[in-house]
Amino acid sequence: MQDVQETTVSRKDILIRLLYTVLYLLVFEIIKLIIQIIVLFQYIYLFISLSHNDRLRNFSNKLCTYTYDLMRYLTLNKNQRPFPFNDFPPAMEEPVGEVSFR
């Protein structure tokens, strides 16, 4: 049998994590609104100029990575607190080179 390492967790630690979770849930709601605005703006920009905005694509890609990082913390799958308590995560993968509409 494998040795199972027991850790004792205090209610104070759980409460502190819960408070951070509530804070990050508020941040998550703000991010959802920002992403919705980005999507609408990107399509309006695309209709007008017939090309996408690269700076906005790169920003939204990093924001998606941050949201993923945030969700992992909220669902207790990660212990390290996300930004602003740590560095902003780098993009997990680069955006596609060419956007297809078919």
Protein backbone atom coordinates (compact mmCIF):
# COMPACT_ATOMS: atom_id res chain seq x y z
CA MET A 1 0.00 0.00 0.00
CA GLN A 2 1.05 3.52 -0.65
CA ASP A 3 1.65 5.79 2.28
CA VAL A 4 -0.96 8.48 2.37
CA GLN A 5 0.33 11.73 3.72
CA GLU A 6 -2.26 13.34 5.92
CA THR A 7 -2.47 17.08 6.13
CA THR A 8 -4.46 19.00 8.64
CA VAL A 9 -6.38 21.92 7.32
CA SER A 10 -7.72 24.50 9.68
CA ARG A 11 -11.09 26.17 9.28
CA LYS A 12 -9.25 29.49 9.17
CA ASP A 13 -7.33 28.36 6.07
CA ILE A 14 -10.55 27.19 4.45
CA LEU A 15 -12.24 30.51 5.21
CA ILE A 16 -9.35 32.49 3.77
CA ARG A 17 -9.45 30.41 0.59
CA LEU A 18 -13.21 30.91 0.42
CA LEU A 19 -12.78 34.69 0.67
CA TYR A 20 -10.26 34.62 -2.17
CA THR A 21 -12.67 32.45 -4.14
CA VAL A 22 -15.47 34.99 -3.71
CA LEU A 23 -13.12 37.75 -4.84
CA TYR A 24 -12.06 35.75 -7.89
CA LEU A 25 -15.68 34.94 -8.73
CA LEU A 26 -16.29 38.68 -8.99
CA VAL A 27 -13.21 39.03 -11.19
CA PHE A 28 -14.51 36.17 -13.34
CA GLU A 29 -17.83 37.97 -13.89
CA ILE A 30 -15.96 41.10 -14.98
CA ILE A 31 -13.82 39.04 -17.36
CA LYS A 32 -16.96 37.49 -18.88
CA LEU A 33 -18.27 40.97 -19.63
CA ILE A 34 -14.93 42.04 -21.12
CA ILE A 35 -14.84 38.97 -23.37
CA GLN A 36 -18.38 39.66 -24.58
CA ILE A 37 -17.41 43.23 -25.44
CA ILE A 38 -14.26 42.01 -27.23
CA VAL A 39 -16.27 39.52 -29.30
CA LEU A 40 -18.78 42.16 -30.39
CA PHE A 41 -16.07 44.70 -31.15
CA GLN A 42 -14.00 42.16 -33.08
CA TYR A 43 -16.95 41.28 -35.34
CA ILE A 44 -17.88 44.93 -35.89
CA TYR A 45 -14.25 45.63 -36.76
CA LEU A 46 -14.21 42.60 -39.06
CA PHE A 47 -17.36 43.74 -40.91
CA ILE A 48 -15.94 47.22 -41.44
CA SER A 49 -12.32 46.44 -42.32
CA LEU A 50 -12.64 42.81 -43.57
CA SER A 51 -9.68 41.85 -41.34
CA HIS A 52 -9.27 41.03 -37.69
CA ASN A 53 -7.49 43.15 -35.09
CA ASP A 54 -4.27 41.33 -34.15
CA ARG A 55 -3.65 43.25 -30.93
CA LEU A 56 -7.15 42.47 -29.72
CA ARG A 57 -6.77 38.79 -30.69
CA ASN A 58 -3.51 38.54 -28.74
CA PHE A 59 -5.03 40.28 -25.71
CA SER A 60 -8.12 38.06 -25.74
CA ASN A 61 -5.93 34.97 -26.11
CA LYS A 62 -4.00 35.94 -22.97
CA LEU A 63 -7.27 36.73 -21.22
CA CYS A 64 -8.54 33.23 -22.06
CA THR A 65 -5.40 31.73 -20.56
CA TYR A 66 -5.88 33.82 -17.43
CA THR A 67 -9.52 32.73 -17.21
CA TYR A 68 -8.45 29.09 -17.45
CA ASP A 69 -5.92 29.69 -14.68
CA LEU A 70 -8.60 31.40 -12.60
CA MET A 71 -11.09 28.56 -13.07
CA ARG A 72 -8.52 26.01 -11.97
CA TYR A 73 -8.00 27.97 -8.74
CA LEU A 74 -11.75 28.39 -8.16
CA THR A 75 -12.44 24.67 -8.61
CA LEU A 76 -9.65 23.69 -6.19
CA ASN A 77 -7.46 22.24 -8.94
CA LYS A 78 -4.65 24.70 -8.34
CA ASN A 79 -3.19 26.17 -5.16
CA GLN A 80 -1.28 29.13 -6.53
CA ARG A 81 -3.41 32.26 -6.56
CA PRO A 82 -3.85 33.85 -9.99
CA PHE A 83 -3.01 37.40 -11.02
CA PRO A 84 -2.81 39.99 -9.34
CA PHE A 85 -1.25 37.96 -6.51
CA ASN A 86 1.14 36.28 -8.96
CA ASP A 87 2.40 36.96 -12.47
CA PHE A 88 -0.04 37.14 -15.36
CA PRO A 89 0.16 33.77 -17.14
CA PRO A 90 1.69 33.61 -20.60
CA ALA A 91 -0.53 32.48 -23.47
CA MET A 92 -0.91 28.69 -23.56
CA GLU A 93 -0.96 28.60 -27.35
CA GLU A 94 -0.72 31.15 -30.11
CA PRO A 95 -3.82 32.23 -32.08
CA VAL A 96 -4.32 30.56 -35.44
CA GLY A 97 -2.62 32.31 -38.34
CA GLU A 98 -5.63 32.52 -40.60
CA VAL A 99 -9.23 32.69 -39.44
CA SER A 100 -11.66 30.54 -41.41
CA PHE A 101 -15.37 31.34 -41.83
CA ARG A 102 -16.54 28.11 -43.42
